[in-house]
């Protein structure tokens, strides 16, 4: 191969390098796909969802819950208290915490639109777990918030275990809150509080 041919080959490889080396991550596809499906479903079923809180809960069960590892997230929230909890209390906490989140924040999904969430280019190692999906979420008033979905998994099987908004982790936030409550009143009391809160939240149409 002549020197000219070598230079031409190197130049060709260099020009192709950015595309060839660009990292793709299944987690980005999962978050973007879920957001698209959620926005489409809300747009087509808005009247029903606005008047039926159970329909919102079922929508979360169908579209969002399968993308989250609630058990792993709950374990991170309880930290040392998870190890000392009985299997029954662990299961009860996972269920109560999930029900609390859906009851408290589920109706906020009614504001979700196609332009609400924009997935940003992946900048990590696509085979390293955990990995982060960087997104920008636009609030109703136009404010843009940097939100990271922290995911664990491999290949194309990735689940969300934490969400960080402007660097504030929901796992760390609830861990700090519950750690104080558990130290004072015990895990059972925290679980009962979550269950009461979930049961007491009125449907969106009556708020």
Protein backbone atom coordinates (compact mmCIF):
# COMPACT_ATOMS: atom_id res chain seq x y z
CA UNK A 1 0.00 0.00 0.00
CA UNK A 2 1.42 3.39 -1.00
CA UNK A 3 1.83 6.22 1.49
CA UNK A 4 -0.96 8.10 -0.29
CA UNK A 5 -3.28 5.11 0.07
CA UNK A 6 -2.45 4.83 3.79
CA UNK A 7 -3.19 8.52 4.31
CA UNK A 8 -6.47 8.24 2.42
CA UNK A 9 -7.48 5.22 4.48
CA UNK A 10 -6.64 6.95 7.75
CA UNK A 11 -8.55 10.05 6.69
CA UNK A 12 -11.57 7.94 5.80
CA UNK A 13 -11.46 6.16 9.16
CA UNK A 14 -11.05 9.44 10.99
CA UNK A 15 -14.07 10.92 9.23
CA UNK A 16 -16.14 7.86 10.08
CA UNK A 17 -14.92 7.64 13.67
CA UNK A 18 -17.52 9.91 15.32
CA UNK A 19 -20.42 7.82 14.00
CA UNK A 20 -18.63 4.53 14.53
CA UNK A 21 -17.70 5.35 18.10
CA UNK A 22 -20.95 7.06 19.05
CA UNK A 23 -22.39 5.30 22.08
CA UNK A 24 -25.94 4.10 22.01
CA UNK A 25 -27.71 2.95 25.15
CA UNK A 26 -30.84 0.83 25.43
CA UNK A 27 -31.91 2.84 28.48
CA UNK A 28 -32.32 5.94 26.31
CA UNK A 29 -34.64 4.02 24.02
CA UNK A 30 -36.61 2.66 26.97
CA UNK A 31 -37.16 6.10 28.52
CA UNK A 32 -37.98 7.76 25.19
CA UNK A 33 -40.31 4.96 24.13
CA UNK A 34 -42.15 4.95 27.44
CA UNK A 35 -42.55 8.74 27.32
CA UNK A 36 -43.95 8.59 23.78
CA UNK A 37 -46.40 5.84 24.67
CA UNK A 38 -47.46 7.66 27.82
CA UNK A 39 -48.07 10.96 25.99
CA UNK A 40 -50.07 9.23 23.27
CA UNK A 41 -52.20 7.30 25.76
CA UNK A 42 -52.96 10.41 27.82
CA UNK A 43 -53.92 12.39 24.72
CA UNK A 44 -56.36 9.73 23.55
CA UNK A 45 -57.83 8.91 27.00
CA UNK A 46 -57.70 12.31 28.69
CA UNK A 47 -61.43 12.60 29.47
CA UNK A 48 -61.48 9.15 31.04
CA UNK A 49 -58.30 9.69 33.06
CA UNK A 50 -59.42 13.08 34.37
CA UNK A 51 -62.47 11.48 35.96
CA UNK A 52 -61.13 8.10 37.04
CA UNK A 53 -58.23 7.93 39.48
CA UNK A 54 -58.21 4.14 39.22
CA UNK A 55 -57.62 4.46 35.48
CA UNK A 56 -54.54 6.58 36.19
CA UNK A 57 -53.27 3.97 38.64
CA UNK A 58 -53.81 1.24 36.05
CA UNK A 59 -51.97 3.32 33.45
CA UNK A 60 -49.00 3.64 35.79
CA UNK A 61 -49.12 -0.11 36.44
CA UNK A 62 -49.10 -0.86 32.73
CA UNK A 63 -46.63 1.67 31.34
CA UNK A 64 -44.39 2.93 34.13
CA UNK A 65 -44.09 0.24 36.83
CA UNK A 66 -42.50 -2.31 34.44
CA UNK A 67 -39.69 0.20 33.84
CA UNK A 68 -38.84 0.55 37.54
CA UNK A 69 -37.13 -1.79 39.98
CA UNK A 70 -39.25 -0.76 42.96
CA UNK A 71 -37.77 -3.40 45.22
CA UNK A 72 -34.19 -2.31 44.62
CA UNK A 73 -35.18 1.34 44.99
CA UNK A 74 -37.02 0.58 48.23
CA UNK A 75 -34.01 -1.28 49.56
CA UNK A 76 -31.81 1.73 48.83
CA UNK A 77 -34.31 4.02 50.58
CA UNK A 78 -34.52 1.90 53.74
CA UNK A 79 -30.75 1.27 53.74
CA UNK A 80 -29.76 -0.45 57.00
CA UNK A 81 -33.40 -0.83 58.01
CA UNK A 82 -34.00 -3.12 55.03
CA UNK A 83 -31.56 -5.70 56.41
CA UNK A 84 -33.24 -5.75 59.81
CA UNK A 85 -36.80 -5.84 58.42
CA UNK A 86 -38.73 -9.07 58.08
CA UNK A 87 -39.53 -10.34 54.56
CA UNK A 88 -43.19 -9.49 55.17
CA UNK A 89 -42.35 -5.90 56.18
CA UNK A 90 -40.08 -5.50 53.15
CA UNK A 91 -42.88 -6.57 50.82
CA UNK A 92 -45.37 -4.40 52.63
CA UNK A 93 -43.11 -1.35 52.40
CA UNK A 94 -42.51 -1.82 48.66
CA UNK A 95 -46.25 -2.02 48.02
CA UNK A 96 -47.17 0.83 50.38
CA UNK A 97 -44.49 3.14 49.00
CA UNK A 98 -45.53 2.47 45.40
CA UNK A 99 -49.22 3.03 46.21
CA UNK A 100 -48.31 6.26 48.01
CA UNK A 101 -46.38 7.59 45.01
CA UNK A 102 -49.18 6.74 42.58
CA UNK A 103 -51.91 8.19 44.79
CA UNK A 104 -49.97 11.37 45.54
CA UNK A 105 -48.43 12.15 42.17
CA UNK A 106 -50.27 10.02 39.61
CA UNK A 107 -52.63 12.76 38.45
CA UNK A 108 -49.63 14.91 37.47
CA UNK A 109 -49.33 12.60 34.48
CA UNK A 110 -52.38 14.35 33.03
CA UNK A 111 -50.04 17.26 32.20
CA UNK A 112 -47.64 15.00 30.30
CA UNK A 113 -47.30 15.86 26.60
CA UNK A 114 -44.97 14.75 23.79
CA UNK A 115 -42.76 17.79 24.37
CA UNK A 116 -42.62 17.35 28.15
CA UNK A 117 -39.57 15.08 28.18
CA UNK A 118 -36.57 15.23 25.87
CA UNK A 119 -33.94 12.50 26.09
CA UNK A 120 -30.40 13.81 25.71
CA UNK A 121 -27.44 12.03 24.04
CA UNK A 122 -25.89 9.28 26.13
CA UNK A 123 -22.43 10.09 27.44
CA UNK A 124 -21.54 7.03 29.49
CA UNK A 125 -20.50 3.42 29.04
CA UNK A 126 -23.48 1.50 27.60
CA UNK A 127 -22.40 -1.74 29.31
CA UNK A 128 -21.71 -0.24 32.72
CA UNK A 129 -24.39 -0.55 35.38
CA UNK A 130 -25.70 1.70 36.82
CA UNK A 131 -26.01 4.12 33.92
CA UNK A 132 -27.75 7.47 33.53
CA UNK A 133 -30.30 8.61 31.00
CA UNK A 134 -30.08 12.40 30.81
CA UNK A 135 -33.35 14.18 30.05
CA UNK A 136 -34.81 17.66 30.12
CA UNK A 137 -38.35 17.96 31.45
CA UNK A 138 -40.37 21.06 30.62
CA UNK A 139 -42.82 22.09 33.35
CA UNK A 140 -46.20 23.70 32.70
CA UNK A 141 -44.76 27.19 33.18
CA UNK A 142 -42.01 26.53 30.64
CA UNK A 143 -39.26 25.94 33.20
CA UNK A 144 -36.76 23.31 32.07
CA UNK A 145 -35.39 20.86 34.62
CA UNK A 146 -32.45 18.50 34.17
CA UNK A 147 -33.60 15.04 35.22
CA UNK A 148 -31.47 11.89 35.24
CA UNK A 149 -32.95 8.40 35.27
CA UNK A 150 -30.49 6.09 37.03
CA UNK A 151 -30.82 2.60 35.55
CA UNK A 152 -29.39 -0.83 36.25
CA UNK A 153 -29.30 -3.83 33.95
CA UNK A 154 -27.57 -5.24 30.90
CA UNK A 155 -28.03 -5.56 27.14
CA UNK A 156 -31.54 -4.22 26.45
CA UNK A 157 -32.95 -5.05 29.89
CA UNK A 158 -32.64 -1.92 32.04
CA UNK A 159 -34.76 -0.69 34.95
CA UNK A 160 -34.92 2.67 36.73
CA UNK A 161 -33.80 2.61 40.39
CA UNK A 162 -33.51 6.34 41.07
CA UNK A 163 -34.43 9.71 39.62
CA UNK A 164 -32.34 12.84 40.14
CA UNK A 165 -33.83 16.25 39.42
CA UNK A 166 -31.21 19.02 39.33
CA UNK A 167 -28.93 16.69 41.29
CA UNK A 168 -31.51 15.89 43.99
CA UNK A 169 -32.08 12.14 44.28
CA UNK A 170 -35.54 10.89 45.19
CA UNK A 171 -33.95 7.84 46.85
CA UNK A 172 -31.72 9.97 49.07
CA UNK A 173 -34.58 12.37 49.83
CA UNK A 174 -36.92 9.65 51.06
CA UNK A 175 -34.08 7.84 52.82
CA UNK A 176 -33.38 10.95 54.89
CA UNK A 177 -37.07 11.42 55.68
CA UNK A 178 -37.82 7.81 56.56
CA UNK A 179 -34.59 7.24 58.49
CA UNK A 180 -35.67 9.83 61.07
CA UNK A 181 -39.21 8.48 61.23
CA UNK A 182 -38.08 4.88 61.58
CA UNK A 183 -35.61 5.77 64.31
CA UNK A 184 -38.41 7.51 66.21
CA UNK A 185 -41.44 5.32 65.59
CA UNK A 186 -40.24 2.17 63.82
CA UNK A 187 -40.65 0.81 60.30
CA UNK A 188 -44.16 -0.44 60.97
CA UNK A 189 -45.33 3.08 61.75
CA UNK A 190 -43.85 4.41 58.50
CA UNK A 191 -45.56 1.68 56.49
CA UNK A 192 -48.90 2.46 58.15
CA UNK A 193 -48.43 6.16 57.39
CA UNK A 194 -47.79 5.39 53.71
CA UNK A 195 -50.87 3.17 53.58
CA UNK A 196 -53.06 5.82 55.19
CA UNK A 197 -51.78 8.55 52.87
CA UNK A 198 -52.38 6.40 49.79
CA UNK A 199 -55.92 5.59 50.91
CA UNK A 200 -56.78 9.19 51.80
CA UNK A 201 -55.83 10.91 48.54
CA UNK A 202 -59.02 11.97 46.73
CA UNK A 203 -59.40 11.40 42.98
CA UNK A 204 -58.28 14.29 40.70
CA UNK A 205 -61.85 15.40 39.93
CA UNK A 206 -62.58 16.16 43.59
CA UNK A 207 -59.37 18.01 44.47
